[in-house]
Amino acid sequence: MKQFTTFLKKEFAHVLRDRKTLLILFGMPIMQILIFGFALTNEVKNSKIIVVDYAKDMASQNIITKIEASRYFEIEKAMMSAKEIEASFQQGIIKMAVVFPPDFNKDLLHQSTAQIQVIADASDPNTANTLTNYVSSIVQDYQRDLDKTSLLPYRIEPQTRMLYNPQLKGVHNFVPGVIALVLMLVCVMMTAVSIVREKEMGTMEILLVSPFKPIMVMVSKAIPYLILSLINVTTILLLSVFVLRVPVNGSIFLLFAESTLFIITCLTLGIFISVKTNSQQVAMLISLMGMLLPTILFSGFMFPIENMPKALQIFSNVVPAKWFYIIVRDIMIKGVGLSEIWKETLVLIGITLFLMAVSLKNFKIRLE
């Protein structure tokens, strides 16, 4: 234990005296959260929605047919209560719900006015806004068709309701994504470079002949970055709440627990890269290019994954940031608990255990 403590102190001393490392650790997260939060917005198809048709009349069926003909939606028809619809949103099953009231066609014929309820998941405000606009456009097309054959103009009013983010602030979507991006880059790159540096400086040989076990070398290398990354999470959350006005609707404890799990996942990925490379430049290049692009492209916070080809949708499942982004967004914006995000949590645990086993195996091979 004394050896482990000494090695841990050495790692902290090395990190804290390196100003460039500290700048990357703390400067980059602050800049990214401010830039992404204030400057960026994004734009959508194939979004999963549910249609609840209490009317079951000719008018509602005609509108549903038009929605089905659109390439923007993947429709599921079902009879659901308000509580079941809300549960579907919380579980991330659907992006939008379209609800037809019981007397839809009757109201349209006798009063020349009818209403449709459109409920959207505004935790991703750009997608929510785009989807509601698509539905409104389809309804207006149907309304124009009716007006051509009628002496009196008809009016169908979509009653839109935005869940979780009524003001459609884009920052609600980007903050969880930036947390995932920052942790992925910082943890993977710093861990990979720190171990490879030992090889380049020749100090790895000293560790190899010491009684220090390989697993303890990995743990002692990872702990400083785990603690510093948790500080990063705290900094980002404070900026999000007090500067960007993004609420944390769920459990803070659960959010930090899930963040710790994701940090460990990233650290094990950094260790895996380090045991496969022999120079800091290669380790940094793989960490930056190999992690930056997949995190931006396949996590879902900048580009909707459902818009991508099927092969890329499948590939996105191996990107840890995708699952962490879903977890953070659901906790912060939707306020859900572990019962709604347990599947994503299990995926992260599985990825972590796999990377840890492969890294340890390769590290042991290097010792032989």
Protein backbone atom coordinates (compact mmCIF):
# COMPACT_ATOMS: atom_id res chain seq x y z
CA MET A 1 0.00 0.00 0.00
CA LYS A 2 2.91 2.33 0.77
CA GLN A 3 4.35 1.70 -2.70
CA PHE A 4 1.00 2.47 -4.27
CA THR A 5 0.65 5.74 -2.29
CA THR A 6 4.15 6.82 -3.29
CA PHE A 7 3.49 6.09 -6.95
CA LEU A 8 0.18 7.95 -6.75
CA LYS A 9 1.86 11.03 -5.27
CA LYS A 10 4.41 10.94 -8.08
CA GLU A 11 1.64 10.93 -10.69
CA PHE A 12 -0.15 13.87 -9.07
CA ALA A 13 3.10 15.82 -8.83
CA HIS A 14 3.84 15.15 -12.48
CA VAL A 15 0.40 16.32 -13.59
CA LEU A 16 0.25 19.42 -11.40
CA ARG A 17 3.68 20.76 -12.38
CA ASP A 18 2.98 20.45 -16.11
CA ARG A 19 1.25 23.70 -17.10
CA LYS A 20 0.38 22.45 -20.59
CA THR A 21 -1.36 19.43 -19.11
CA LEU A 22 -3.30 21.62 -16.68
CA LEU A 23 -4.30 23.92 -19.52
CA ILE A 24 -5.69 20.96 -21.49
CA LEU A 25 -7.38 19.52 -18.41
CA PHE A 26 -9.15 22.69 -17.28
CA GLY A 27 -8.89 25.26 -20.08
CA MET A 28 -10.34 23.08 -22.85
CA PRO A 29 -13.50 22.06 -20.96
CA ILE A 30 -14.32 25.67 -20.04
CA MET A 31 -13.77 26.91 -23.60
CA GLN A 32 -15.78 24.06 -25.12
CA ILE A 33 -18.76 24.43 -22.81
CA LEU A 34 -18.92 28.17 -23.54
CA ILE A 35 -18.39 27.83 -27.31
CA PHE A 36 -20.77 24.90 -27.78
CA GLY A 37 -23.31 26.37 -25.39
CA PHE A 38 -23.55 29.81 -26.98
CA ALA A 39 -22.44 29.39 -30.59
CA LEU A 40 -23.67 26.11 -32.06
CA THR A 41 -27.06 24.89 -33.20
CA ASN A 42 -27.92 21.80 -35.24
CA GLU A 43 -30.52 20.57 -37.59
CA VAL A 44 -33.36 16.17 -39.07
CA LYS A 45 -35.68 11.96 -40.64
CA ASN A 46 -36.77 8.54 -39.69
CA SER A 47 -37.69 9.77 -36.21
CA LYS A 48 -39.77 7.41 -34.12
CA ILE A 49 -43.19 8.83 -33.26
CA ILE A 50 -46.43 7.41 -31.95
CA VAL A 51 -49.91 8.17 -33.27
CA VAL A 52 -52.79 7.81 -30.83
CA ASP A 53 -56.07 7.91 -32.75
CA TYR A 54 -59.07 8.17 -30.41
CA ALA A 55 -61.25 9.38 -33.31
CA LYS A 56 -60.79 6.49 -35.76
CA ASP A 57 -62.68 8.42 -38.42
CA MET A 58 -62.05 9.31 -42.04
CA ALA A 59 -60.33 12.64 -41.36
CA SER A 60 -57.89 11.27 -38.79
CA GLN A 61 -57.04 8.29 -41.00
CA ASN A 62 -56.37 10.56 -43.97
CA ILE A 63 -53.95 12.69 -41.97
CA ILE A 64 -52.23 9.60 -40.55
CA THR A 65 -51.83 8.27 -44.09
CA LYS A 66 -50.12 11.51 -45.09
CA ILE A 67 -47.81 11.32 -42.08
CA GLU A 68 -46.96 7.70 -42.92
CA ALA A 69 -46.15 8.70 -46.50
CA SER A 70 -43.56 11.17 -45.21
CA ARG A 71 -39.94 10.02 -45.01
CA TYR A 72 -39.43 11.97 -41.81
CA PHE A 73 -41.18 9.56 -39.47
CA GLU A 74 -41.22 5.95 -38.30
CA ILE A 75 -44.76 5.59 -37.02
CA GLU A 76 -46.17 3.27 -34.41
CA LYS A 77 -49.93 3.30 -33.87
CA ALA A 78 -51.14 2.52 -30.39
CA MET A 79 -53.86 3.32 -27.90
CA MET A 80 -52.07 4.83 -24.91
CA SER A 81 -52.98 6.80 -21.83
CA ALA A 82 -51.28 10.09 -21.01
CA LYS A 83 -49.12 8.31 -18.42
CA GLU A 84 -48.02 5.67 -20.94
CA ILE A 85 -47.14 8.35 -23.48
CA GLU A 86 -45.02 10.18 -20.91
CA ALA A 87 -43.27 6.92 -19.96
CA SER A 88 -42.41 6.35 -23.63
CA PHE A 89 -40.80 9.80 -23.76
CA GLN A 90 -38.83 9.19 -20.56
CA GLN A 91 -37.50 5.88 -21.87
CA GLY A 92 -36.43 7.54 -25.11
CA ILE A 93 -38.63 5.24 -27.22
CA ILE A 94 -40.28 8.07 -29.17
CA LYS A 95 -39.45 11.62 -30.26
CA MET A 96 -43.03 12.79 -30.70
CA ALA A 97 -46.67 11.82 -30.12
CA VAL A 98 -49.61 12.89 -32.28
CA VAL A 99 -52.99 12.54 -30.53
CA PHE A 100 -56.36 12.80 -32.30
CA PRO A 101 -59.33 13.59 -29.98
CA PRO A 102 -62.46 11.36 -30.09
CA ASP A 103 -64.69 13.71 -32.13
CA PHE A 104 -62.08 15.00 -34.54
CA ASN A 105 -64.03 14.58 -37.80
CA LYS A 106 -67.34 15.57 -36.16
CA ASP A 107 -65.83 18.85 -34.91
CA LEU A 108 -64.33 19.52 -38.31
CA LEU A 109 -67.61 19.02 -40.19
CA HIS A 110 -69.98 20.77 -37.78
CA GLN A 111 -67.77 23.52 -36.36
CA SER A 112 -65.26 23.84 -39.22
CA THR A 113 -62.53 23.67 -36.54
CA ALA A 114 -60.73 20.72 -34.97
CA GLN A 115 -57.62 20.26 -32.85
CA ILE A 116 -54.71 17.78 -32.86
CA GLN A 117 -52.35 17.46 -29.93
CA VAL A 118 -48.67 17.28 -30.90
CA ILE A 119 -46.30 16.41 -28.04
CA ALA A 120 -42.55 16.55 -28.71
CA ASP A 121 -39.43 15.63 -26.72
CA ALA A 122 -37.73 19.02 -26.49
CA SER A 123 -34.67 17.76 -24.64
CA ASP A 124 -33.34 17.86 -28.21
CA PRO A 125 -34.94 21.21 -29.18
CA ASN A 126 -33.87 21.32 -32.82
CA THR A 127 -35.30 17.90 -33.56
CA ALA A 128 -38.49 18.70 -31.65
CA ASN A 129 -38.99 21.96 -33.48
CA THR A 130 -38.30 20.37 -36.86
CA LEU A 131 -40.68 17.45 -36.28
CA THR A 132 -43.53 19.66 -35.10
CA ASN A 133 -43.04 21.84 -38.17
CA TYR A 134 -43.23 18.75 -40.38
CA VAL A 135 -46.51 17.65 -38.79
CA SER A 136 -47.95 21.16 -38.97
CA SER A 137 -47.06 21.31 -42.67
CA ILE A 138 -48.76 17.95 -43.34
CA VAL A 139 -51.90 19.08 -41.51
CA GLN A 140 -51.96 22.33 -43.47
CA ASP A 141 -51.69 20.37 -46.73
CA TYR A 142 -54.70 18.27 -45.72
CA GLN A 143 -56.58 21.41 -44.72
CA ARG A 144 -55.93 22.99 -48.14
CA ASP A 145 -57.25 19.84 -49.84
CA LEU A 146 -60.47 20.12 -47.81
CA ASP A 147 -60.88 23.80 -48.65
CA LYS A 148 -60.85 23.04 -52.38
CA THR A 149 -64.02 20.95 -52.05
CA SER A 150 -65.87 23.03 -49.47
CA LEU A 151 -67.71 26.35 -49.50
CA LEU A 152 -66.60 27.14 -45.94
CA PRO A 153 -62.90 27.09 -44.95
CA TYR A 154 -61.84 24.42 -42.49
CA ARG A 155 -59.32 25.03 -39.74
CA ILE A 156 -57.28 22.31 -38.03
CA GLU A 157 -55.19 23.59 -35.14
CA PRO A 158 -52.21 21.52 -33.96
CA GLN A 159 -51.87 22.11 -30.22
CA THR A 160 -48.11 21.79 -29.67
CA ARG A 161 -46.58 20.87 -26.33
CA MET A 162 -42.81 20.73 -25.82
CA LEU A 163 -41.74 18.40 -23.01
CA TYR A 164 -38.68 19.05 -20.80
CA ASN A 165 -37.55 22.18 -22.69
CA PRO A 166 -40.55 24.43 -23.50
CA GLN A 167 -38.35 27.36 -24.59
CA LEU A 168 -36.45 25.15 -27.06
CA LYS A 169 -33.03 26.25 -25.84
CA GLY A 170 -30.26 24.58 -27.85
CA VAL A 171 -27.91 24.61 -24.88
CA HIS A 172 -30.03 21.92 -23.18
CA ASN A 173 -28.88 19.56 -25.92
CA PHE A 174 -25.24 20.61 -26.13
CA VAL A 175 -24.26 20.60 -22.46
CA PRO A 176 -24.63 16.78 -22.09
CA GLY A 177 -22.77 16.37 -25.38
CA VAL A 178 -19.91 18.61 -24.31
CA ILE A 179 -19.55 16.72 -21.03
CA ALA A 180 -19.19 13.48 -23.00
CA LEU A 181 -16.77 15.06 -25.49
CA VAL A 182 -14.56 16.67 -22.85
CA LEU A 183 -14.31 13.55 -20.69
CA MET A 184 -13.63 11.34 -23.68
CA LEU A 185 -10.80 13.53 -24.99
CA VAL A 186 -9.19 14.44 -21.66
CA CYS A 187 -9.32 11.01 -20.01
CA VAL A 188 -8.30 8.96 -23.04
CA MET A 189 -5.53 11.25 -24.24
CA MET A 190 -3.98 12.04 -20.87
CA THR A 191 -3.97 8.43 -19.69
CA ALA A 192 -2.55 7.12 -22.96
CA VAL A 193 0.19 9.75 -23.10
CA SER A 194 1.18 9.35 -19.43
CA ILE A 195 1.88 5.63 -19.78
CA VAL A 196 3.63 5.96 -23.14
CA ARG A 197 5.80 8.70 -21.64
CA GLU A 198 7.12 6.17 -19.13
CA LYS A 199 8.21 3.96 -22.04
CA GLU A 200 9.94 6.79 -23.87
CA MET A 201 11.76 8.00 -20.76
CA GLY A 202 12.91 4.47 -19.89
CA THR A 203 11.22 4.46 -16.49
CA MET A 204 8.84 1.69 -17.54
CA GLU A 205 11.68 -0.82 -17.18
CA ILE A 206 12.02 0.15 -13.53
CA LEU A 207 8.35 -0.57 -13.00
CA LEU A 208 8.63 -3.86 -14.85
CA VAL A 209 11.32 -5.21 -12.50
CA SER A 210 9.60 -3.88 -9.35
CA PRO A 211 7.21 -6.00 -7.27
CA PHE A 212 4.44 -3.62 -8.31
CA LYS A 213 1.64 -5.58 -10.00
CA PRO A 214 0.52 -4.49 -13.51
CA ILE A 215 -3.03 -3.80 -12.33
CA MET A 216 -1.69 -1.47 -9.63
CA VAL A 217 0.39 0.41 -12.21
CA MET A 218 -2.78 0.96 -14.25
CA VAL A 219 -4.82 2.05 -11.25
CA SER A 220 -2.17 4.47 -9.98
CA LYS A 221 -1.89 6.01 -13.45
CA ALA A 222 -5.66 6.39 -13.73
CA ILE A 223 -6.65 7.75 -10.30
CA PRO A 224 -5.23 11.29 -10.74
CA TYR A 225 -7.11 11.72 -14.00
CA LEU A 226 -10.26 10.28 -12.44
CA ILE A 227 -10.17 12.90 -9.69
CA LEU A 228 -9.27 15.74 -12.08
CA SER A 229 -12.03 14.68 -14.49
CA LEU A 230 -14.60 14.75 -11.69
CA ILE A 231 -13.45 18.32 -11.00
CA ASN A 232 -14.03 18.99 -14.71
CA VAL A 233 -17.57 17.58 -14.45
CA THR A 234 -18.24 19.82 -11.46
CA THR A 235 -16.89 22.87 -13.33
CA ILE A 236 -19.02 22.15 -16.40
CA LEU A 237 -22.16 21.63 -14.31
CA LEU A 238 -21.57 24.87 -12.40
CA LEU A 239 -21.10 26.76 -15.68
CA SER A 240 -24.18 25.06 -17.10
CA VAL A 241 -26.42 25.94 -14.17
CA PHE A 242 -25.21 29.45 -13.30
CA VAL A 243 -23.99 30.76 -16.67
CA LEU A 244 -26.02 28.88 -19.29
CA ARG A 245 -29.10 28.40 -17.07
CA VAL A 246 -29.43 24.69 -17.82
CA PRO A 247 -31.30 22.90 -15.01
CA VAL A 248 -30.31 19.62 -13.42
CA ASN A 249 -33.73 18.03 -12.98
CA GLY A 250 -32.52 14.59 -11.88
CA SER A 251 -30.36 13.26 -9.07
CA ILE A 252 -26.95 14.95 -8.72
CA PHE A 253 -25.63 11.82 -7.02
CA LEU A 254 -26.76 9.62 -9.92
CA LEU A 255 -25.27 12.08 -12.41
CA PHE A 256 -21.87 11.97 -10.69
CA ALA A 257 -22.05 8.18 -10.33
CA GLU A 258 -22.71 7.78 -14.06
CA SER A 259 -19.99 10.33 -14.85
CA THR A 260 -17.54 8.34 -12.72
CA LEU A 261 -18.45 5.19 -14.64
CA PHE A 262 -17.89 6.94 -17.98
CA ILE A 263 -14.57 8.39 -16.79
CA ILE A 264 -13.42 4.89 -15.85
CA THR A 265 -14.51 3.69 -19.29
CA CYS A 266 -12.44 6.43 -20.94
CA LEU A 267 -9.45 5.73 -18.69
CA THR A 268 -9.46 2.06 -19.61
CA LEU A 269 -9.66 3.05 -23.27
CA GLY A 270 -6.63 5.31 -22.76
CA ILE A 271 -4.74 2.46 -21.10
CA PHE A 272 -5.64 0.18 -24.01
CA ILE A 273 -4.23 2.72 -26.48
CA SER A 274 -1.07 3.13 -24.39
CA VAL A 275 -0.23 -0.58 -24.33
CA LYS A 276 -0.63 -0.70 -28.11
CA THR A 277 1.61 2.29 -28.90
CA ASN A 278 5.25 3.22 -28.21
CA SER A 279 5.39 7.00 -28.75
CA GLN A 280 3.53 9.95 -27.28
CA GLN A 281 2.84 11.40 -30.74
CA VAL A 282 1.13 8.22 -31.93
CA ALA A 283 -0.83 7.90 -28.68
CA MET A 284 -1.97 11.53 -28.89
CA LEU A 285 -2.90 11.22 -32.57
CA ILE A 286 -4.97 8.09 -31.96
CA SER A 287 -6.60 9.65 -28.89
CA LEU A 288 -7.50 12.89 -30.66
CA MET A 289 -8.48 11.69 -34.11
CA GLY A 290 -9.73 8.27 -33.04
CA MET A 291 -11.93 9.68 -30.27
CA LEU A 292 -12.86 13.19 -31.43
CA LEU A 293 -14.59 12.29 -34.69
CA PRO A 294 -16.55 9.25 -33.41
CA THR A 295 -17.69 11.23 -30.37
CA ILE A 296 -18.90 14.17 -32.48
CA LEU A 297 -20.41 12.06 -35.27
CA PHE A 298 -21.86 9.07 -33.42
CA SER A 299 -22.83 10.28 -29.94
CA GLY A 300 -26.02 11.89 -31.26
CA PHE A 301 -25.63 15.35 -29.78
CA MET A 302 -24.70 17.06 -33.06
CA PHE A 303 -26.09 14.73 -35.72
CA PRO A 304 -29.20 12.56 -35.17
CA ILE A 305 -28.13 8.92 -35.39
CA GLU A 306 -31.47 7.84 -36.89
CA ASN A 307 -30.63 9.90 -39.98
CA MET A 308 -27.57 7.79 -40.70
CA PRO A 309 -27.32 4.61 -42.81
CA LYS A 310 -28.08 1.41 -40.92
CA ALA A 311 -24.42 0.32 -40.88
CA LEU A 312 -23.37 3.54 -39.16
CA GLN A 313 -26.25 3.26 -36.70
CA ILE A 314 -24.95 -0.16 -35.71
CA PHE A 315 -21.38 1.15 -35.46
CA SER A 316 -22.50 3.95 -33.14
CA ASN A 317 -23.33 1.33 -30.50
CA VAL A 318 -19.62 0.74 -29.80
CA VAL A 319 -18.98 4.45 -29.14
CA PRO A 320 -19.14 4.92 -25.33
CA ALA A 321 -19.98 8.62 -25.66
CA LYS A 322 -23.32 7.76 -27.29
CA TRP A 323 -24.54 5.92 -24.19
CA PHE A 324 -23.17 8.51 -21.76
CA TYR A 325 -24.77 11.35 -23.72
CA ILE A 326 -28.18 9.61 -23.45
CA ILE A 327 -27.63 9.10 -19.72
CA VAL A 328 -26.61 12.71 -18.97
CA ARG A 329 -29.38 14.20 -21.13
CA ASP A 330 -32.03 12.01 -19.50
CA ILE A 331 -30.85 12.81 -15.96
CA MET A 332 -30.28 16.54 -16.46
CA ILE A 333 -33.13 17.45 -18.78
CA LYS A 334 -35.77 14.74 -18.27
CA GLY A 335 -35.05 14.14 -14.59
CA VAL A 336 -35.25 10.35 -14.89
CA GLY A 337 -33.85 7.80 -12.46
CA LEU A 338 -31.78 4.64 -12.80
CA SER A 339 -34.85 2.62 -13.80
CA GLU A 340 -34.95 4.45 -17.16
CA ILE A 341 -31.19 4.39 -17.92
CA TRP A 342 -30.13 0.99 -16.64
CA LYS A 343 -29.64 -0.42 -20.14
CA GLU A 344 -27.21 2.36 -21.10
CA THR A 345 -25.43 1.90 -17.76
CA LEU A 346 -24.99 -1.82 -18.39
CA VAL A 347 -23.56 -1.12 -21.85
CA LEU A 348 -20.95 1.22 -20.35
CA ILE A 349 -20.07 -1.34 -17.68
CA GLY A 350 -19.68 -4.03 -20.38
CA ILE A 351 -17.41 -1.81 -22.51
CA THR A 352 -15.32 -0.94 -19.44
CA LEU A 353 -14.84 -4.55 -18.37
CA PHE A 354 -13.94 -5.60 -21.92
CA LEU A 355 -11.33 -2.84 -22.33
CA MET A 356 -9.93 -3.51 -18.86
CA ALA A 357 -9.51 -7.22 -19.57
CA VAL A 358 -7.87 -6.64 -22.95
CA SER A 359 -5.54 -3.95 -21.57
CA LEU A 360 -4.47 -6.09 -18.62
CA LYS A 361 -3.86 -9.07 -20.87
CA ASN A 362 -1.68 -7.06 -23.23
CA PHE A 363 0.15 -5.42 -20.33
CA LYS A 364 0.95 -8.83 -18.90
CA ILE A 365 2.23 -10.01 -22.29
CA ARG A 366 4.62 -7.07 -22.30
CA LEU A 367 5.93 -8.12 -18.92
CA GLU A 368 6.92 -11.59 -20.10
